[in-house]
Amino acid sequence: MKAVIAILIIAGAAFGGWQIYSYWIDIRGKEKAKVQAVEAKSSVTGAELAGLPAGLEGQLQAAQQQGAAGLRQFLVRYGKTMSDPRLAWIELDFVVLVAQKNPAEAKKVFKRVKQRTLPTSPVYPRMKQLEKTYQ
């Protein structure tokens, strides 16, 4: 009789442990799903952002193919016709490209973008990601 009771206690403890483990796995899966959903919302590409006049998309692509010099000329020529958040995104592209040759200019442009980028902006996650490098 003692052996049957001992087996039932061990079986009950094993079943309870299994239930706790299953619950923990379920909670961890839900947390991962939430994190992935937030990351999916925050993963924005520059082409999705507003602020670039329709006729300039082709010229922007041509400037990006020319590298930092082409992007600099594009920003000088058309910077006043664009608005944030797309302008900030393009300037961050420029910062990344020019940083190798002219880190001082990269930091200056990054500082300008940082000053006008609010935490609610779709560019904010990218700005925060680059902040440690260009501050």
N, C-alpha and C. Protein backbone atom coordinates (compact mmCIF):
# COMPACT_ATOMS: atom_id res chain seq x y z
N MET A 1 0.81 -1.19 0.00
CA MET A 1 0.00 0.00 0.00
C MET A 1 0.86 1.26 0.00
N LYS A 2 1.97 1.21 0.79
CA LYS A 2 2.87 2.35 0.83
C LYS A 2 3.50 2.58 -0.54
N ALA A 3 3.79 1.54 -1.24
CA ALA A 3 4.41 1.65 -2.56
C ALA A 3 3.45 2.31 -3.55
N VAL A 4 2.16 1.98 -3.48
CA VAL A 4 1.17 2.56 -4.37
C VAL A 4 1.03 4.05 -4.10
N ILE A 5 1.01 4.42 -2.83
CA ILE A 5 0.90 5.84 -2.45
C ILE A 5 2.15 6.59 -2.91
N ALA A 6 3.32 6.01 -2.74
CA ALA A 6 4.57 6.64 -3.18
C ALA A 6 4.57 6.84 -4.69
N ILE A 7 4.11 5.84 -5.44
CA ILE A 7 4.05 5.95 -6.90
C ILE A 7 3.06 7.04 -7.32
N LEU A 8 1.91 7.12 -6.63
CA LEU A 8 0.93 8.16 -6.94
C LEU A 8 1.49 9.54 -6.64
N ILE A 9 2.21 9.71 -5.57
CA ILE A 9 2.82 11.00 -5.21
C ILE A 9 3.87 11.39 -6.26
N ILE A 10 4.71 10.46 -6.65
CA ILE A 10 5.74 10.73 -7.65
C ILE A 10 5.09 11.07 -9.00
N ALA A 11 4.06 10.31 -9.37
CA ALA A 11 3.36 10.58 -10.62
C ALA A 11 2.68 11.95 -10.58
N GLY A 12 2.07 12.30 -9.45
CA GLY A 12 1.42 13.61 -9.31
C GLY A 12 2.44 14.74 -9.38
N ALA A 13 3.61 14.55 -8.74
CA ALA A 13 4.66 15.57 -8.78
C ALA A 13 5.19 15.73 -10.21
N ALA A 14 5.38 14.62 -10.91
CA ALA A 14 5.86 14.68 -12.29
C ALA A 14 4.83 15.38 -13.19
N PHE A 15 3.55 15.05 -13.00
CA PHE A 15 2.51 15.69 -13.79
C PHE A 15 2.45 17.19 -13.50
N GLY A 16 2.53 17.57 -12.23
CA GLY A 16 2.52 18.99 -11.85
C GLY A 16 3.73 19.72 -12.43
N GLY A 17 4.89 19.08 -12.38
CA GLY A 17 6.09 19.68 -12.97
C GLY A 17 5.94 19.88 -14.46
N TRP A 18 5.37 18.87 -15.12
CA TRP A 18 5.15 18.98 -16.56
C TRP A 18 4.19 20.13 -16.89
N GLN A 19 3.13 20.31 -16.10
CA GLN A 19 2.18 21.39 -16.33
C GLN A 19 2.84 22.77 -16.15
N ILE A 20 3.67 22.89 -15.13
CA ILE A 20 4.38 24.16 -14.90
C ILE A 20 5.33 24.45 -16.06
N TYR A 21 6.04 23.43 -16.49
CA TYR A 21 6.97 23.59 -17.62
C TYR A 21 6.21 24.00 -18.89
N SER A 22 5.09 23.38 -19.17
CA SER A 22 4.29 23.71 -20.35
C SER A 22 3.78 25.15 -20.27
N TYR A 23 3.36 25.59 -19.11
CA TYR A 23 2.89 26.95 -18.91
C TYR A 23 4.02 27.94 -19.16
N TRP A 24 5.20 27.63 -18.66
CA TRP A 24 6.37 28.51 -18.83
C TRP A 24 6.73 28.63 -20.32
N ILE A 25 6.71 27.53 -21.05
CA ILE A 25 7.00 27.55 -22.49
C ILE A 25 5.96 28.40 -23.22
N ASP A 26 4.71 28.27 -22.85
CA ASP A 26 3.63 29.03 -23.48
C ASP A 26 3.83 30.53 -23.25
N ILE A 27 4.14 30.93 -22.03
CA ILE A 27 4.37 32.34 -21.71
C ILE A 27 5.56 32.88 -22.49
N ARG A 28 6.63 32.13 -22.55
CA ARG A 28 7.84 32.55 -23.27
C ARG A 28 7.55 32.70 -24.76
N GLY A 29 6.74 31.83 -25.32
CA GLY A 29 6.36 31.93 -26.73
C GLY A 29 5.54 33.18 -27.01
N LYS A 30 4.64 33.51 -26.09
CA LYS A 30 3.83 34.71 -26.26
C LYS A 30 4.69 35.97 -26.18
N GLU A 31 5.67 35.98 -25.29
CA GLU A 31 6.57 37.13 -25.19
C GLU A 31 7.38 37.29 -26.47
N LYS A 32 7.87 36.20 -27.03
CA LYS A 32 8.62 36.27 -28.29
C LYS A 32 7.73 36.79 -29.41
N ALA A 33 6.49 36.37 -29.43
CA ALA A 33 5.56 36.84 -30.46
C ALA A 33 5.33 38.34 -30.35
N LYS A 34 5.21 38.84 -29.11
CA LYS A 34 5.04 40.27 -28.91
C LYS A 34 6.26 41.05 -29.39
N VAL A 35 7.44 40.56 -29.08
CA VAL A 35 8.67 41.22 -29.50
C VAL A 35 8.77 41.24 -31.02
N GLN A 36 8.43 40.14 -31.66
CA GLN A 36 8.48 40.07 -33.11
C GLN A 36 7.46 41.01 -33.74
N ALA A 37 6.30 41.15 -33.12
CA ALA A 37 5.28 42.05 -33.64
C ALA A 37 5.75 43.50 -33.55
N VAL A 38 6.39 43.86 -32.44
CA VAL A 38 6.91 45.21 -32.28
C VAL A 38 8.02 45.47 -33.28
N GLU A 39 8.90 44.50 -33.48
CA GLU A 39 9.98 44.66 -34.45
C GLU A 39 9.43 44.78 -35.86
N ALA A 40 8.39 44.05 -36.17
CA ALA A 40 7.80 44.13 -37.50
C ALA A 40 7.20 45.52 -37.74
N LYS A 41 6.60 46.09 -36.71
CA LYS A 41 6.05 47.44 -36.83
C LYS A 41 7.15 48.47 -37.00
N SER A 42 8.28 48.28 -36.31
CA SER A 42 9.34 49.27 -36.33
C SER A 42 10.30 49.11 -37.51
N SER A 43 10.20 48.02 -38.23
CA SER A 43 11.10 47.84 -39.37
C SER A 43 10.50 48.55 -40.59
N VAL A 44 10.93 49.77 -40.76
CA VAL A 44 10.44 50.62 -41.82
C VAL A 44 11.57 50.81 -42.83
N THR A 45 11.23 50.89 -44.08
CA THR A 45 12.22 51.23 -45.09
C THR A 45 12.01 52.67 -45.53
N GLY A 46 13.04 53.27 -46.03
CA GLY A 46 12.95 54.67 -46.44
C GLY A 46 11.92 54.92 -47.52
N ALA A 47 11.74 53.98 -48.43
CA ALA A 47 10.80 54.16 -49.54
C ALA A 47 9.36 54.25 -49.05
N GLU A 48 9.06 53.74 -47.87
CA GLU A 48 7.70 53.75 -47.33
C GLU A 48 7.33 55.08 -46.69
N LEU A 49 8.32 55.93 -46.43
CA LEU A 49 8.09 57.15 -45.68
C LEU A 49 7.62 58.30 -46.57
N ALA A 50 6.83 59.17 -45.98
CA ALA A 50 6.34 60.35 -46.68
C ALA A 50 7.37 61.47 -46.58
N GLY A 51 7.28 62.42 -47.50
CA GLY A 51 8.13 63.60 -47.42
C GLY A 51 8.99 63.83 -48.65
N LEU A 52 8.95 62.92 -49.61
CA LEU A 52 9.72 63.08 -50.83
C LEU A 52 8.75 63.34 -51.98
N PRO A 53 8.89 64.48 -52.67
CA PRO A 53 8.01 64.72 -53.82
C PRO A 53 8.12 63.59 -54.85
N ALA A 54 7.03 63.28 -55.50
CA ALA A 54 6.95 62.11 -56.39
C ALA A 54 7.99 62.14 -57.50
N GLY A 55 8.30 63.29 -58.04
CA GLY A 55 9.23 63.37 -59.16
C GLY A 55 10.68 63.17 -58.79
N LEU A 56 10.99 63.11 -57.52
CA LEU A 56 12.39 63.02 -57.10
C LEU A 56 12.87 61.60 -56.80
N GLU A 57 11.98 60.63 -56.86
CA GLU A 57 12.37 59.26 -56.50
C GLU A 57 13.47 58.73 -57.42
N GLY A 58 13.34 58.95 -58.70
CA GLY A 58 14.36 58.49 -59.65
C GLY A 58 15.69 59.19 -59.44
N GLN A 59 15.64 60.48 -59.17
CA GLN A 59 16.87 61.24 -58.93
C GLN A 59 17.54 60.80 -57.64
N LEU A 60 16.75 60.46 -56.64
CA LEU A 60 17.31 59.96 -55.39
C LEU A 60 18.04 58.64 -55.63
N GLN A 61 17.44 57.75 -56.38
CA GLN A 61 18.08 56.47 -56.65
C GLN A 61 19.39 56.66 -57.42
N ALA A 62 19.40 57.59 -58.37
CA ALA A 62 20.62 57.87 -59.11
C ALA A 62 21.70 58.45 -58.19
N ALA A 63 21.28 59.31 -57.28
CA ALA A 63 22.24 59.91 -56.33
C ALA A 63 22.79 58.85 -55.39
N GLN A 64 21.96 57.91 -54.96
CA GLN A 64 22.43 56.85 -54.06
C GLN A 64 23.43 55.95 -54.75
N GLN A 65 23.28 55.74 -56.04
CA GLN A 65 24.23 54.92 -56.78
C GLN A 65 25.59 55.60 -56.91
N GLN A 66 25.61 56.92 -56.83
CA GLN A 66 26.87 57.67 -56.92
C GLN A 66 27.60 57.72 -55.58
N GLY A 67 26.96 57.29 -54.53
CA GLY A 67 27.60 57.26 -53.22
C GLY A 67 27.41 58.55 -52.44
N ALA A 68 28.35 58.81 -51.54
CA ALA A 68 28.22 59.96 -50.63
C ALA A 68 28.20 61.28 -51.39
N ALA A 69 29.04 61.43 -52.40
CA ALA A 69 29.10 62.69 -53.15
C ALA A 69 27.77 62.95 -53.86
N GLY A 70 27.21 61.93 -54.49
CA GLY A 70 25.93 62.09 -55.17
C GLY A 70 24.80 62.41 -54.21
N LEU A 71 24.81 61.77 -53.06
CA LEU A 71 23.77 62.02 -52.06
C LEU A 71 23.92 63.43 -51.47
N ARG A 72 25.15 63.88 -51.29
CA ARG A 72 25.39 65.24 -50.79
C ARG A 72 24.81 66.26 -51.78
N GLN A 73 25.10 66.08 -53.07
CA GLN A 73 24.57 67.00 -54.08
C GLN A 73 23.04 66.96 -54.11
N PHE A 74 22.47 65.79 -53.98
CA PHE A 74 21.01 65.66 -53.96
C PHE A 74 20.42 66.42 -52.78
N LEU A 75 21.02 66.28 -51.61
CA LEU A 75 20.51 66.96 -50.41
C LEU A 75 20.65 68.47 -50.53
N VAL A 76 21.76 68.93 -51.11
CA VAL A 76 21.94 70.37 -51.30
C VAL A 76 20.90 70.91 -52.28
N ARG A 77 20.70 70.19 -53.37
CA ARG A 77 19.80 70.64 -54.42
C ARG A 77 18.33 70.54 -54.02
N TYR A 78 17.93 69.43 -53.40
CA TYR A 78 16.50 69.19 -53.16
C TYR A 78 16.12 69.13 -51.68
N GLY A 79 17.05 69.37 -50.79
CA GLY A 79 16.78 69.24 -49.36
C GLY A 79 15.64 70.11 -48.86
N LYS A 80 15.50 71.30 -49.43
CA LYS A 80 14.45 72.22 -48.97
C LYS A 80 13.07 71.83 -49.49
N THR A 81 13.01 70.98 -50.51
CA THR A 81 11.70 70.55 -51.04
C THR A 81 11.18 69.30 -50.34
N MET A 82 12.05 68.65 -49.56
CA MET A 82 11.66 67.43 -48.85
C MET A 82 11.30 67.76 -47.40
N SER A 83 10.62 66.83 -46.76
CA SER A 83 10.28 67.00 -45.35
C SER A 83 10.51 65.70 -44.61
N ASP A 84 10.52 65.81 -43.30
CA ASP A 84 10.67 64.62 -42.46
C ASP A 84 9.40 63.80 -42.55
N PRO A 85 9.46 62.53 -42.43
CA PRO A 85 10.55 61.67 -41.98
C PRO A 85 11.49 61.21 -43.11
N ARG A 86 11.09 61.41 -44.37
CA ARG A 86 11.94 60.92 -45.47
C ARG A 86 13.26 61.67 -45.53
N LEU A 87 13.24 62.97 -45.27
CA LEU A 87 14.48 63.75 -45.29
C LEU A 87 15.44 63.23 -44.24
N ALA A 88 14.95 62.94 -43.06
CA ALA A 88 15.81 62.41 -41.99
C ALA A 88 16.39 61.06 -42.40
N TRP A 89 15.60 60.21 -43.04
CA TRP A 89 16.07 58.90 -43.47
C TRP A 89 17.20 59.04 -44.50
N ILE A 90 17.01 59.94 -45.46
CA ILE A 90 18.02 60.16 -46.49
C ILE A 90 19.29 60.72 -45.87
N GLU A 91 19.13 61.63 -44.92
CA GLU A 91 20.32 62.19 -44.25
C GLU A 91 21.05 61.12 -43.45
N LEU A 92 20.33 60.19 -42.84
CA LEU A 92 21.01 59.09 -42.14
C LEU A 92 21.73 58.18 -43.12
N ASP A 93 21.16 57.98 -44.30
CA ASP A 93 21.87 57.24 -45.35
C ASP A 93 23.18 57.94 -45.69
N PHE A 94 23.11 59.26 -45.81
CA PHE A 94 24.30 60.06 -46.11
C PHE A 94 25.33 59.94 -45.00
N VAL A 95 24.87 59.98 -43.75
CA VAL A 95 25.78 59.85 -42.60
C VAL A 95 26.55 58.54 -42.68
N VAL A 96 25.86 57.47 -42.96
CA VAL A 96 26.51 56.16 -43.04
C VAL A 96 27.54 56.13 -44.18
N LEU A 97 27.19 56.72 -45.31
CA LEU A 97 28.10 56.71 -46.46
C LEU A 97 29.32 57.59 -46.27
N VAL A 98 29.15 58.76 -45.66
CA VAL A 98 30.24 59.73 -45.56
C VAL A 98 31.14 59.49 -44.34
N ALA A 99 30.73 58.65 -43.44
CA ALA A 99 31.46 58.46 -42.17
C ALA A 99 32.88 57.95 -42.39
N GLN A 100 33.12 57.15 -43.39
CA GLN A 100 34.46 56.61 -43.63
C GLN A 100 35.44 57.72 -44.02
N LYS A 101 34.99 58.64 -44.88
CA LYS A 101 35.89 59.66 -45.41
C LYS A 101 35.88 60.94 -44.60
N ASN A 102 34.76 61.28 -43.98
CA ASN A 102 34.64 62.54 -43.26
C ASN A 102 33.78 62.35 -42.01
N PRO A 103 34.38 61.79 -40.94
CA PRO A 103 33.59 61.53 -39.73
C PRO A 103 33.03 62.79 -39.08
N ALA A 104 33.73 63.91 -39.22
CA ALA A 104 33.24 65.15 -38.61
C ALA A 104 31.93 65.59 -39.26
N GLU A 105 31.86 65.50 -40.58
CA GLU A 105 30.63 65.86 -41.28
C GLU A 105 29.51 64.89 -40.93
N ALA A 106 29.85 63.61 -40.81
CA ALA A 106 28.84 62.62 -40.45
C ALA A 106 28.25 62.93 -39.08
N LYS A 107 29.09 63.27 -38.13
CA LYS A 107 28.59 63.61 -36.78
C LYS A 107 27.74 64.87 -36.80
N LYS A 108 28.13 65.85 -37.62
CA LYS A 108 27.38 67.10 -37.69
C LYS A 108 25.99 66.86 -38.26
N VAL A 109 25.91 66.11 -39.34
CA VAL A 109 24.61 65.82 -39.96
C VAL A 109 23.77 64.95 -39.02
N PHE A 110 24.40 63.98 -38.36
CA PHE A 110 23.66 63.13 -37.42
C PHE A 110 23.08 63.96 -36.28
N LYS A 111 23.84 64.92 -35.79
CA LYS A 111 23.36 65.77 -34.70
C LYS A 111 22.13 66.57 -35.14
N ARG A 112 22.15 67.08 -36.38
CA ARG A 112 20.98 67.81 -36.90
C ARG A 112 19.76 66.91 -36.96
N VAL A 113 19.95 65.68 -37.44
CA VAL A 113 18.82 64.74 -37.54
C VAL A 113 18.31 64.40 -36.15
N LYS A 114 19.22 64.16 -35.22
CA LYS A 114 18.82 63.77 -33.85
C LYS A 114 18.01 64.88 -33.17
N GLN A 115 18.38 66.13 -33.41
CA GLN A 115 17.69 67.24 -32.76
C GLN A 115 16.24 67.37 -33.20
N ARG A 116 15.95 66.99 -34.43
CA ARG A 116 14.58 67.17 -34.90
C ARG A 116 13.76 65.87 -34.96
N THR A 117 14.35 64.75 -34.59
CA THR A 117 13.63 63.47 -34.63
C THR A 117 12.99 63.19 -33.28
N LEU A 118 11.68 63.09 -33.30
CA LEU A 118 10.93 62.81 -32.08
C LEU A 118 10.83 61.31 -31.85
N PRO A 119 10.60 60.87 -30.61
CA PRO A 119 10.45 59.43 -30.34
C PRO A 119 9.29 58.79 -31.07
N THR A 120 8.32 59.56 -31.52
CA THR A 120 7.18 59.01 -32.24
C THR A 120 7.44 58.87 -33.74
N SER A 121 8.57 59.36 -34.20
CA SER A 121 8.91 59.31 -35.62
C SER A 121 9.26 57.88 -36.04
N PRO A 122 8.91 57.50 -37.26
CA PRO A 122 9.30 56.17 -37.74
C PRO A 122 10.81 56.04 -37.96
N VAL A 123 11.52 57.14 -37.98
CA VAL A 123 12.97 57.14 -38.17
C VAL A 123 13.69 56.96 -36.83
N TYR A 124 12.99 57.16 -35.73
CA TYR A 124 13.61 57.13 -34.40
C TYR A 124 14.36 55.83 -34.10
N PRO A 125 13.80 54.64 -34.39
CA PRO A 125 14.56 53.41 -34.09
C PRO A 125 15.90 53.35 -34.84
N ARG A 126 15.90 53.78 -36.08
CA ARG A 126 17.16 53.77 -36.85
C ARG A 126 18.14 54.80 -36.27
N MET A 127 17.63 55.97 -35.90
CA MET A 127 18.48 57.00 -35.30
C MET A 127 19.10 56.49 -34.00
N LYS A 128 18.31 55.82 -33.17
CA LYS A 128 18.83 55.27 -31.92
C LYS A 128 19.86 54.18 -32.18
N GLN A 129 19.67 53.41 -33.22
CA GLN A 129 20.61 52.35 -33.57
C GLN A 129 21.96 52.93 -33.98
N LEU A 130 21.95 54.06 -34.67
CA LEU A 130 23.18 54.69 -35.13
C LEU A 130 23.80 55.64 -34.11
N GLU A 131 23.07 55.93 -33.06
CA GLU A 131 23.48 56.97 -32.11
C GLU A 131 24.83 56.68 -31.47
N LYS A 132 25.09 55.47 -31.06
CA LYS A 132 26.34 55.16 -30.39
C LYS A 132 27.54 55.37 -31.31
N THR A 133 27.35 55.17 -32.58
CA THR A 133 28.45 55.29 -33.53
C THR A 133 28.75 56.75 -33.86
N TYR A 134 27.73 57.57 -34.00
CA TYR A 134 27.92 58.92 -34.52
C TYR A 134 27.74 60.04 -33.50
N GLN A 135 27.67 59.73 -32.26
CA GLN A 135 27.48 60.77 -31.25
C GLN A 135 28.77 61.36 -30.83
